């Protein structure tokens, strides 16, 4: 085998090795740009006009600039929704993380009997398909008298069954359960 006095062969190999990562990532970046960046850019562009997608295609839009954003930010509905959403996200995350930490510490304690069974019961919902889990929770919080939550409510002295998914306060609590 001959010796490359100019070092061109080793530089070429290093260059190919260095660029191989970019070449391997390029198709994913191309797809990301096509399916994420372009639609997002088009959406931001359309938000500066009055009208919808059909109006944009047919040319029936009117330039309003940032008026759509100003109208949204100055709307009392927007701020009410933001407060509700932030409260919902905060309570949901804090409650779930705190509960998960307590359960994990309890299951990791040395003197817990049936530790393996309890761990299996805790982890079981992670292995269930989402639609199955949603179906179970829907049965529990069924608005009719047949849901488990309503049966417990009526047994505790409640006067009538509760529609858990129609009241925003109850929905807030129900989802966090």
N, C-alpha and C. Protein backbone atom coordinates (compact mmCIF):
# COMPACT_ATOMS: atom_id res chain seq x y z
N UNK A 1 0.84 -1.17 0.00
CA UNK A 1 0.00 0.00 0.00
C UNK A 1 0.89 1.24 0.00
N UNK A 2 0.54 2.21 -0.81
CA UNK A 2 1.38 3.40 -0.93
C UNK A 2 1.06 4.42 0.13
N UNK A 3 2.00 5.30 0.39
CA UNK A 3 1.83 6.35 1.39
C UNK A 3 1.39 7.61 0.67
N UNK A 4 0.36 8.25 1.20
CA UNK A 4 -0.14 9.49 0.62
C UNK A 4 0.67 10.65 1.20
N UNK A 5 1.58 11.19 0.42
CA UNK A 5 2.48 12.23 0.91
C UNK A 5 1.74 13.54 1.16
N UNK A 6 0.65 13.78 0.44
CA UNK A 6 -0.05 15.06 0.59
C UNK A 6 -1.05 15.03 1.75
N UNK A 7 -1.41 13.84 2.20
CA UNK A 7 -2.40 13.72 3.27
C UNK A 7 -3.82 13.94 2.78
N UNK A 8 -3.99 13.96 1.47
CA UNK A 8 -5.30 14.21 0.88
C UNK A 8 -6.30 13.11 1.24
N UNK A 9 -5.83 11.86 1.23
CA UNK A 9 -6.72 10.73 1.54
C UNK A 9 -7.26 10.80 2.95
N UNK A 10 -6.40 11.11 3.93
CA UNK A 10 -6.87 11.17 5.32
C UNK A 10 -7.78 12.38 5.54
N UNK A 11 -7.49 13.50 4.88
CA UNK A 11 -8.36 14.67 5.00
C UNK A 11 -9.72 14.39 4.38
N UNK A 12 -9.73 13.67 3.26
CA UNK A 12 -10.99 13.33 2.62
C UNK A 12 -11.82 12.40 3.50
N UNK A 13 -11.16 11.42 4.12
CA UNK A 13 -11.86 10.50 5.02
C UNK A 13 -12.45 11.26 6.22
N UNK A 14 -11.67 12.17 6.81
CA UNK A 14 -12.17 12.95 7.94
C UNK A 14 -13.34 13.83 7.51
N UNK A 15 -13.25 14.40 6.33
CA UNK A 15 -14.33 15.24 5.81
C UNK A 15 -15.60 14.42 5.60
N UNK A 16 -15.46 13.22 5.05
CA UNK A 16 -16.61 12.34 4.84
C UNK A 16 -17.19 11.91 6.18
N UNK A 17 -16.31 11.56 7.15
CA UNK A 17 -16.79 11.17 8.47
C UNK A 17 -17.53 12.33 9.15
N UNK A 18 -17.00 13.53 9.00
CA UNK A 18 -17.60 14.70 9.63
C UNK A 18 -18.95 15.03 9.00
N UNK A 19 -19.08 14.87 7.70
CA UNK A 19 -20.31 15.22 7.00
C UNK A 19 -21.33 14.08 6.98
N UNK A 20 -20.91 12.89 7.36
CA UNK A 20 -21.83 11.76 7.33
C UNK A 20 -23.02 12.00 8.25
N UNK A 21 -22.80 12.57 9.41
CA UNK A 21 -23.90 12.86 10.33
C UNK A 21 -24.91 13.81 9.72
N UNK A 22 -24.41 14.85 9.07
CA UNK A 22 -25.31 15.79 8.43
C UNK A 22 -26.11 15.12 7.32
N UNK A 23 -25.46 14.27 6.56
CA UNK A 23 -26.14 13.57 5.48
C UNK A 23 -27.20 12.61 6.01
N UNK A 24 -26.94 11.99 7.15
CA UNK A 24 -27.91 11.08 7.73
C UNK A 24 -29.10 11.82 8.34
N UNK A 25 -28.87 13.01 8.85
CA UNK A 25 -29.93 13.79 9.48
C UNK A 25 -30.73 14.59 8.44
N UNK A 26 -30.16 14.83 7.28
CA UNK A 26 -30.78 15.68 6.27
C UNK A 26 -32.20 15.26 5.89
N UNK A 27 -32.49 13.98 5.65
CA UNK A 27 -33.88 13.63 5.30
C UNK A 27 -34.87 13.99 6.41
N UNK A 28 -34.50 13.76 7.66
CA UNK A 28 -35.38 14.12 8.77
C UNK A 28 -35.60 15.62 8.85
N UNK A 29 -34.53 16.39 8.66
CA UNK A 29 -34.66 17.85 8.68
C UNK A 29 -35.52 18.34 7.52
N UNK A 30 -35.39 17.70 6.37
CA UNK A 30 -36.19 18.06 5.21
C UNK A 30 -37.67 17.79 5.49
N UNK A 31 -37.97 16.64 6.08
CA UNK A 31 -39.36 16.31 6.42
C UNK A 31 -39.89 17.26 7.50
N UNK A 32 -39.06 17.57 8.48
CA UNK A 32 -39.46 18.52 9.52
C UNK A 32 -39.81 19.86 8.91
N UNK A 33 -38.96 20.33 8.03
CA UNK A 33 -39.22 21.62 7.39
C UNK A 33 -40.50 21.56 6.57
N UNK A 34 -40.71 20.46 5.87
CA UNK A 34 -41.89 20.35 5.02
C UNK A 34 -43.19 20.23 5.79
N UNK A 35 -43.17 19.48 6.88
CA UNK A 35 -44.41 19.21 7.61
C UNK A 35 -44.61 20.07 8.85
N UNK A 36 -43.59 20.79 9.28
CA UNK A 36 -43.74 21.63 10.46
C UNK A 36 -43.47 23.11 10.15
N UNK A 37 -42.33 23.39 9.58
CA UNK A 37 -41.94 24.78 9.37
C UNK A 37 -42.83 25.47 8.34
N UNK A 38 -43.08 24.83 7.21
CA UNK A 38 -43.89 25.47 6.17
C UNK A 38 -45.32 25.73 6.64
N UNK A 39 -46.03 24.74 7.21
CA UNK A 39 -47.39 25.04 7.67
C UNK A 39 -47.43 26.11 8.77
N UNK A 40 -46.45 26.08 9.68
CA UNK A 40 -46.41 27.09 10.73
C UNK A 40 -46.18 28.48 10.14
N UNK A 41 -45.27 28.58 9.19
CA UNK A 41 -45.01 29.87 8.54
C UNK A 41 -46.24 30.35 7.79
N UNK A 42 -46.92 29.44 7.10
CA UNK A 42 -48.13 29.80 6.36
C UNK A 42 -49.23 30.25 7.32
N UNK A 43 -49.34 29.60 8.46
CA UNK A 43 -50.33 29.97 9.47
C UNK A 43 -50.05 31.37 10.01
N UNK A 44 -48.79 31.65 10.32
CA UNK A 44 -48.43 32.99 10.80
C UNK A 44 -48.71 34.04 9.73
N UNK A 45 -48.44 33.70 8.48
CA UNK A 45 -48.74 34.62 7.37
C UNK A 45 -50.24 34.87 7.28
N UNK A 46 -51.05 33.82 7.36
CA UNK A 46 -52.50 33.97 7.27
C UNK A 46 -53.08 34.75 8.43
N UNK A 47 -52.41 34.67 9.60
CA UNK A 47 -52.94 35.37 10.77
C UNK A 47 -52.86 36.88 10.62
N UNK A 48 -52.14 37.36 9.66
CA UNK A 48 -52.03 38.79 9.43
C UNK A 48 -53.12 39.31 8.49
N UNK A 49 -54.02 38.42 8.06
CA UNK A 49 -55.10 38.77 7.16
C UNK A 49 -56.44 38.48 7.82
N UNK A 50 -57.49 39.13 7.31
CA UNK A 50 -58.84 38.81 7.76
C UNK A 50 -59.42 37.83 6.76
N UNK A 51 -59.97 36.76 7.24
CA UNK A 51 -60.50 35.71 6.37
C UNK A 51 -59.84 34.40 6.71
N UNK A 52 -60.20 33.37 6.01
CA UNK A 52 -59.67 32.05 6.31
C UNK A 52 -58.77 31.53 5.21
N UNK A 53 -58.55 30.24 5.23
CA UNK A 53 -57.69 29.60 4.24
C UNK A 53 -58.30 29.69 2.86
N UNK A 54 -59.61 29.46 2.78
CA UNK A 54 -60.28 29.51 1.48
C UNK A 54 -60.17 30.91 0.90
N UNK A 55 -60.37 31.92 1.73
CA UNK A 55 -60.25 33.31 1.26
C UNK A 55 -58.82 33.60 0.81
N UNK A 56 -57.84 33.03 1.49
CA UNK A 56 -56.44 33.24 1.09
C UNK A 56 -56.16 32.60 -0.25
N UNK A 57 -56.75 31.45 -0.49
CA UNK A 57 -56.53 30.76 -1.77
C UNK A 57 -57.23 31.50 -2.91
N UNK A 58 -58.43 31.99 -2.64
CA UNK A 58 -59.19 32.68 -3.69
C UNK A 58 -58.81 34.15 -3.81
N UNK A 59 -58.01 34.65 -2.91
CA UNK A 59 -57.56 36.04 -2.99
C UNK A 59 -58.52 37.02 -2.34
N UNK A 60 -59.41 36.56 -1.49
CA UNK A 60 -60.39 37.44 -0.87
C UNK A 60 -60.02 37.90 0.52
N UNK A 61 -58.74 37.96 0.82
CA UNK A 61 -58.33 38.36 2.16
C UNK A 61 -58.05 39.86 2.21
N UNK A 62 -58.13 40.41 3.41
CA UNK A 62 -57.83 41.82 3.64
C UNK A 62 -56.71 41.89 4.67
N UNK A 63 -55.68 42.66 4.37
CA UNK A 63 -54.55 42.80 5.28
C UNK A 63 -54.99 43.56 6.52
N UNK A 64 -54.78 42.97 7.71
CA UNK A 64 -55.11 43.64 8.97
C UNK A 64 -53.88 43.76 9.86
N UNK A 65 -52.78 43.18 9.46
CA UNK A 65 -51.56 43.28 10.26
C UNK A 65 -51.69 42.58 11.60
N UNK A 66 -51.30 43.25 12.65
CA UNK A 66 -51.34 42.66 13.98
C UNK A 66 -52.67 42.88 14.69
N UNK A 67 -53.68 43.36 13.99
CA UNK A 67 -54.98 43.64 14.60
C UNK A 67 -55.61 42.38 15.18
N UNK A 68 -55.42 41.23 14.53
CA UNK A 68 -55.96 39.98 15.08
C UNK A 68 -55.35 39.66 16.43
N UNK A 69 -54.05 39.88 16.56
CA UNK A 69 -53.37 39.61 17.83
C UNK A 69 -53.78 40.61 18.90
N UNK A 70 -53.90 41.88 18.54
CA UNK A 70 -54.32 42.91 19.49
C UNK A 70 -55.73 42.60 19.97
N UNK A 71 -56.61 42.20 19.05
CA UNK A 71 -57.98 41.85 19.42
C UNK A 71 -58.02 40.66 20.37
N UNK A 72 -57.14 39.70 20.14
CA UNK A 72 -57.11 38.52 21.01
C UNK A 72 -56.60 38.88 22.39
N UNK A 73 -55.52 39.60 22.46
CA UNK A 73 -54.89 39.93 23.75
C UNK A 73 -55.77 40.87 24.57
N UNK A 74 -56.55 41.71 23.94
CA UNK A 74 -57.39 42.64 24.68
C UNK A 74 -58.75 42.05 25.02
N UNK A 75 -59.03 40.84 24.59
CA UNK A 75 -60.31 40.20 24.88
C UNK A 75 -60.34 39.66 26.30
N UNK A 76 -61.43 39.93 27.04
CA UNK A 76 -61.52 39.36 28.39
C UNK A 76 -61.64 37.83 28.36
N UNK A 77 -62.19 37.29 27.30
CA UNK A 77 -62.28 35.83 27.17
C UNK A 77 -60.90 35.21 27.13
N UNK A 78 -59.98 35.84 26.44
CA UNK A 78 -58.62 35.32 26.31
C UNK A 78 -57.96 35.23 27.68
N UNK A 79 -58.04 36.30 28.46
CA UNK A 79 -57.36 36.30 29.76
C UNK A 79 -58.04 35.36 30.74
N UNK A 80 -59.35 35.24 30.67
CA UNK A 80 -60.03 34.26 31.51
C UNK A 80 -59.60 32.85 31.17
N UNK A 81 -59.48 32.58 29.88
CA UNK A 81 -59.01 31.26 29.44
C UNK A 81 -57.56 31.02 29.85
N UNK A 82 -56.73 32.05 29.77
CA UNK A 82 -55.33 31.90 30.16
C UNK A 82 -55.21 31.59 31.66
N UNK A 83 -55.98 32.29 32.47
CA UNK A 83 -55.94 32.05 33.92
C UNK A 83 -56.40 30.62 34.22
N UNK A 84 -57.49 30.22 33.58
CA UNK A 84 -58.01 28.87 33.80
C UNK A 84 -57.00 27.82 33.35
N UNK A 85 -56.40 28.02 32.18
CA UNK A 85 -55.43 27.07 31.65
C UNK A 85 -54.19 26.98 32.53
N UNK A 86 -53.67 28.11 32.97
CA UNK A 86 -52.49 28.09 33.83
C UNK A 86 -52.79 27.43 35.17
N UNK A 87 -53.96 27.71 35.73
CA UNK A 87 -54.36 27.04 36.96
C UNK A 87 -54.50 25.55 36.77
N UNK A 88 -55.08 25.17 35.65
CA UNK A 88 -55.28 23.76 35.34
C UNK A 88 -53.93 23.04 35.17
N UNK A 89 -53.05 23.63 34.40
CA UNK A 89 -51.74 23.01 34.15
C UNK A 89 -50.94 22.95 35.45
N UNK A 90 -50.94 24.03 36.21
CA UNK A 90 -50.17 24.06 37.46
C UNK A 90 -50.68 23.02 38.44
N UNK A 91 -51.98 23.00 38.65
CA UNK A 91 -52.52 22.04 39.61
C UNK A 91 -52.33 20.62 39.13
N UNK A 92 -52.52 20.41 37.85
CA UNK A 92 -52.37 19.06 37.31
C UNK A 92 -50.94 18.56 37.47
N UNK A 93 -49.97 19.38 37.11
CA UNK A 93 -48.57 18.97 37.19
C UNK A 93 -48.15 18.81 38.65
N UNK A 94 -48.47 19.78 39.49
CA UNK A 94 -48.06 19.72 40.89
C UNK A 94 -48.68 18.50 41.58
N UNK A 95 -49.98 18.30 41.40
CA UNK A 95 -50.64 17.17 42.04
C UNK A 95 -50.09 15.83 41.56
N UNK A 96 -49.91 15.71 40.25
CA UNK A 96 -49.44 14.42 39.70
C UNK A 96 -48.01 14.12 40.11
N UNK A 97 -47.15 15.13 40.10
CA UNK A 97 -45.76 14.90 40.50
C UNK A 97 -45.67 14.59 41.99
N UNK A 98 -46.42 15.33 42.80
CA UNK A 98 -46.41 15.09 44.24
C UNK A 98 -46.95 13.70 44.56
N UNK A 99 -48.06 13.33 43.94
CA UNK A 99 -48.64 12.01 44.18
C UNK A 99 -47.70 10.91 43.70
N UNK A 100 -47.10 11.09 42.54
CA UNK A 100 -46.16 10.09 42.03
C UNK A 100 -44.96 9.94 42.96
N UNK A 101 -44.47 11.03 43.50
CA UNK A 101 -43.34 10.97 44.43
C UNK A 101 -43.73 10.23 45.71
N UNK A 102 -44.90 10.53 46.25
CA UNK A 102 -45.35 9.85 47.47
C UNK A 102 -45.53 8.35 47.22
N UNK A 103 -46.15 8.00 46.11
CA UNK A 103 -46.36 6.58 45.79
C UNK A 103 -45.02 5.88 45.58
N UNK A 104 -44.10 6.52 44.86
CA UNK A 104 -42.79 5.91 44.61
C UNK A 104 -42.03 5.70 45.93
N UNK A 105 -42.05 6.68 46.80
CA UNK A 105 -41.37 6.53 48.09
C UNK A 105 -42.03 5.45 48.94
N UNK A 106 -43.36 5.40 48.90
CA UNK A 106 -44.06 4.37 49.68
C UNK A 106 -43.76 2.97 49.15
N UNK A 107 -43.74 2.83 47.85
CA UNK A 107 -43.46 1.51 47.26
C UNK A 107 -42.00 1.11 47.39
N UNK A 108 -41.14 2.06 47.62
CA UNK A 108 -39.72 1.76 47.76
C UNK A 108 -39.34 1.48 49.21
N UNK A 109 -40.27 1.67 50.12
CA UNK A 109 -40.01 1.44 51.54
C UNK A 109 -39.79 -0.04 51.79
N UNK A 110 -38.93 -0.36 52.70
CA UNK A 110 -38.54 -1.75 52.96
C UNK A 110 -39.68 -2.60 53.51
N UNK A 111 -40.55 -2.03 54.32
CA UNK A 111 -41.53 -2.83 55.06
C UNK A 111 -42.90 -2.94 54.39
N UNK A 112 -43.00 -2.63 53.13
CA UNK A 112 -44.28 -2.71 52.44
C UNK A 112 -44.53 -4.15 52.02
N UNK A 113 -45.70 -4.68 52.45
CA UNK A 113 -46.06 -6.03 52.06
C UNK A 113 -46.73 -5.99 50.69
N UNK A 114 -46.44 -6.98 49.88
CA UNK A 114 -47.02 -7.05 48.54
C UNK A 114 -46.48 -5.96 47.63
N UNK A 115 -45.22 -5.60 47.83
CA UNK A 115 -44.60 -4.51 47.08
C UNK A 115 -44.65 -4.77 45.57
N UNK A 116 -44.38 -6.00 45.16
CA UNK A 116 -44.37 -6.31 43.72
C UNK A 116 -45.76 -6.18 43.12
N UNK A 117 -46.76 -6.65 43.84
CA UNK A 117 -48.14 -6.54 43.36
C UNK A 117 -48.56 -5.08 43.26
N UNK A 118 -48.24 -4.29 44.27
CA UNK A 118 -48.59 -2.87 44.25
C UNK A 118 -47.88 -2.14 43.12
N UNK A 119 -46.63 -2.46 42.89
CA UNK A 119 -45.91 -1.84 41.77
C UNK A 119 -46.57 -2.19 40.45
N UNK A 120 -46.98 -3.44 40.32
CA UNK A 120 -47.66 -3.87 39.08
C UNK A 120 -48.96 -3.11 38.89
N UNK A 121 -49.72 -2.92 39.97
CA UNK A 121 -50.99 -2.21 39.88
C UNK A 121 -50.76 -0.74 39.50
N UNK A 122 -49.71 -0.15 40.04
CA UNK A 122 -49.41 1.25 39.73
C UNK A 122 -48.96 1.40 38.28
N UNK A 123 -48.18 0.46 37.78
CA UNK A 123 -47.62 0.57 36.43
C UNK A 123 -48.59 0.07 35.36
N UNK A 124 -49.60 -0.71 35.74
CA UNK A 124 -50.54 -1.29 34.77
C UNK A 124 -51.16 -0.27 33.82
N UNK A 125 -51.63 0.89 34.30
CA UNK A 125 -52.24 1.84 33.35
C UNK A 125 -51.29 2.32 32.26
N UNK A 126 -49.98 2.30 32.52
CA UNK A 126 -49.02 2.72 31.49
C UNK A 126 -48.99 1.76 30.32
N UNK A 127 -49.32 0.50 30.58
CA UNK A 127 -49.28 -0.50 29.52
C UNK A 127 -50.59 -0.65 28.78
N UNK A 128 -51.64 -0.04 29.29
CA UNK A 128 -52.94 -0.14 28.64
C UNK A 128 -53.03 0.85 27.49
N UNK A 129 -53.69 0.45 26.43
CA UNK A 129 -53.91 1.42 25.35
C UNK A 129 -54.73 2.61 25.86
N UNK A 130 -54.49 3.75 25.29
CA UNK A 130 -55.14 4.99 25.74
C UNK A 130 -56.65 4.88 25.63
N UNK A 131 -57.14 4.32 24.56
CA UNK A 131 -58.59 4.24 24.37
C UNK A 131 -59.24 3.39 25.44
N UNK A 132 -58.54 2.36 25.90
CA UNK A 132 -59.06 1.50 26.96
C UNK A 132 -59.10 2.27 28.28
N UNK A 133 -58.05 3.02 28.56
CA UNK A 133 -58.02 3.83 29.79
C UNK A 133 -59.10 4.89 29.77
N UNK A 134 -59.29 5.55 28.64
CA UNK A 134 -60.32 6.57 28.51
C UNK A 134 -61.70 5.95 28.71
N UNK A 135 -61.90 4.78 28.17
CA UNK A 135 -63.18 4.09 28.31
C UNK A 135 -63.47 3.78 29.78
N UNK A 136 -62.46 3.34 30.51
CA UNK A 136 -62.64 3.03 31.93
C UNK A 136 -63.00 4.30 32.71
N UNK A 137 -62.26 5.39 32.47
CA UNK A 137 -62.55 6.64 33.18
C UNK A 137 -63.92 7.18 32.80
N UNK A 138 -64.33 6.98 31.55
CA UNK A 138 -65.65 7.41 31.12
C UNK A 138 -66.73 6.64 31.86
N UNK A 139 -66.51 5.36 32.07
CA UNK A 139 -67.48 4.55 32.83
C UNK A 139 -67.53 4.99 34.29
N UNK A 140 -66.38 5.33 34.86
CA UNK A 140 -66.35 5.77 36.26
C UNK A 140 -67.11 7.08 36.43
N UNK A 141 -66.91 8.02 35.53
CA UNK A 141 -67.53 9.34 35.64
C UNK A 141 -68.72 9.51 34.71
N UNK A 142 -69.40 8.43 34.40
CA UNK A 142 -70.59 8.48 33.56
C UNK A 142 -71.61 9.42 34.17
N UNK A 143 -72.23 10.29 33.37
CA UNK A 143 -73.18 11.24 33.92
C UNK A 143 -74.47 10.59 34.40
N UNK A 144 -74.76 9.40 33.95
CA UNK A 144 -75.97 8.72 34.42
C UNK A 144 -75.73 8.16 35.82
N UNK A 145 -76.72 7.56 36.40
CA UNK A 145 -76.60 7.01 37.75
C UNK A 145 -75.71 5.77 37.78
N UNK A 146 -75.27 5.29 36.64
CA UNK A 146 -74.56 4.02 36.59
C UNK A 146 -73.05 4.16 36.78
N UNK A 147 -72.52 5.37 36.71
CA UNK A 147 -71.09 5.56 36.90
C UNK A 147 -70.69 5.34 38.36
N UNK A 148 -69.51 4.82 38.58
CA UNK A 148 -69.03 4.54 39.93
C UNK A 148 -68.98 5.81 40.78
N UNK A 149 -68.52 6.91 40.21
CA UNK A 149 -68.43 8.16 40.97
C UNK A 149 -69.82 8.61 41.41
N UNK A 150 -70.81 8.50 40.53
CA UNK A 150 -72.17 8.89 40.91
C UNK A 150 -72.78 7.92 41.91
N UNK A 151 -72.46 6.64 41.79
CA UNK A 151 -72.96 5.68 42.78
C UNK A 151 -72.41 6.02 44.16
N UNK A 152 -71.12 6.34 44.24
CA UNK A 152 -70.52 6.75 45.52
C UNK A 152 -71.14 8.05 46.02
N UNK A 153 -71.36 8.98 45.11
CA UNK A 153 -71.96 10.27 45.47
C UNK A 153 -73.37 10.08 46.03
N UNK A 154 -74.17 9.26 45.37
CA UNK A 154 -75.54 9.02 45.82
C UNK A 154 -75.56 8.23 47.13
N UNK A 155 -74.64 7.30 47.30
CA UNK A 155 -74.56 6.53 48.55
C UNK A 155 -74.13 7.41 49.72
N UNK A 156 -73.36 8.46 49.43
CA UNK A 156 -72.91 9.38 50.48
C UNK A 156 -73.98 10.41 50.83
N UNK A 157 -75.12 10.36 50.14
CA UNK A 157 -76.21 11.27 50.46
C UNK A 157 -76.48 12.33 49.43
N UNK A 158 -75.83 12.26 48.28
CA UNK A 158 -76.10 13.21 47.22
C UNK A 158 -77.53 13.06 46.72
N UNK A 159 -78.17 14.16 46.34
CA UNK A 159 -79.57 14.13 45.94
C UNK A 159 -79.78 13.64 44.52
N UNK A 160 -78.87 13.99 43.62
CA UNK A 160 -79.02 13.58 42.22
C UNK A 160 -77.65 13.32 41.62
N UNK A 161 -77.66 12.58 40.51
CA UNK A 161 -76.41 12.26 39.83
C UNK A 161 -75.78 13.54 39.27
N UNK A 162 -74.48 13.54 39.22
CA UNK A 162 -73.73 14.71 38.76
C UNK A 162 -73.24 14.46 37.35
N UNK A 163 -73.34 15.49 36.51
CA UNK A 163 -72.77 15.42 35.17
C UNK A 163 -71.34 15.97 35.26
N UNK A 164 -70.38 15.08 35.38
CA UNK A 164 -69.00 15.43 35.69
C UNK A 164 -68.29 16.19 34.59
N UNK A 165 -68.73 16.02 33.35
CA UNK A 165 -68.00 16.59 32.22
C UNK A 165 -68.59 17.90 31.69
N UNK A 166 -69.71 18.38 32.24
CA UNK A 166 -70.32 19.59 31.71
C UNK A 166 -70.05 20.83 32.56
N UNK A 167 -69.75 20.67 33.82
CA UNK A 167 -69.45 21.77 34.70
C UNK A 167 -67.94 22.00 34.67
N UNK A 168 -67.51 23.24 34.39
CA UNK A 168 -66.07 23.50 34.24
C UNK A 168 -65.29 23.24 35.52
N UNK A 169 -65.87 23.54 36.68
CA UNK A 169 -65.17 23.29 37.94
C UNK A 169 -65.03 21.79 38.19
N UNK A 170 -66.11 21.06 37.98
CA UNK A 170 -66.06 19.61 38.16
C UNK A 170 -65.13 18.95 37.15
N UNK A 171 -65.13 19.47 35.93
CA UNK A 171 -64.23 18.93 34.91
C UNK A 171 -62.78 19.13 35.31
N UNK A 172 -62.50 20.29 35.89
CA UNK A 172 -61.16 20.60 36.39
C UNK A 172 -60.72 19.56 37.41
N UNK A 173 -61.60 19.25 38.36
CA UNK A 173 -61.31 18.27 39.41
C UNK A 173 -61.26 16.86 38.82
N UNK A 174 -62.22 16.54 37.96
CA UNK A 174 -62.31 15.19 37.37
C UNK A 174 -61.05 14.86 36.58
N UNK A 175 -60.59 15.79 35.78
CA UNK A 175 -59.39 15.53 34.98
C UNK A 175 -58.17 15.34 35.85
N UNK A 176 -58.09 16.08 36.93
CA UNK A 176 -56.94 15.95 37.82
C UNK A 176 -56.94 14.65 38.61
N UNK A 177 -58.11 14.03 38.74
CA UNK A 177 -58.17 12.72 39.40
C UNK A 177 -57.54 11.73 38.46
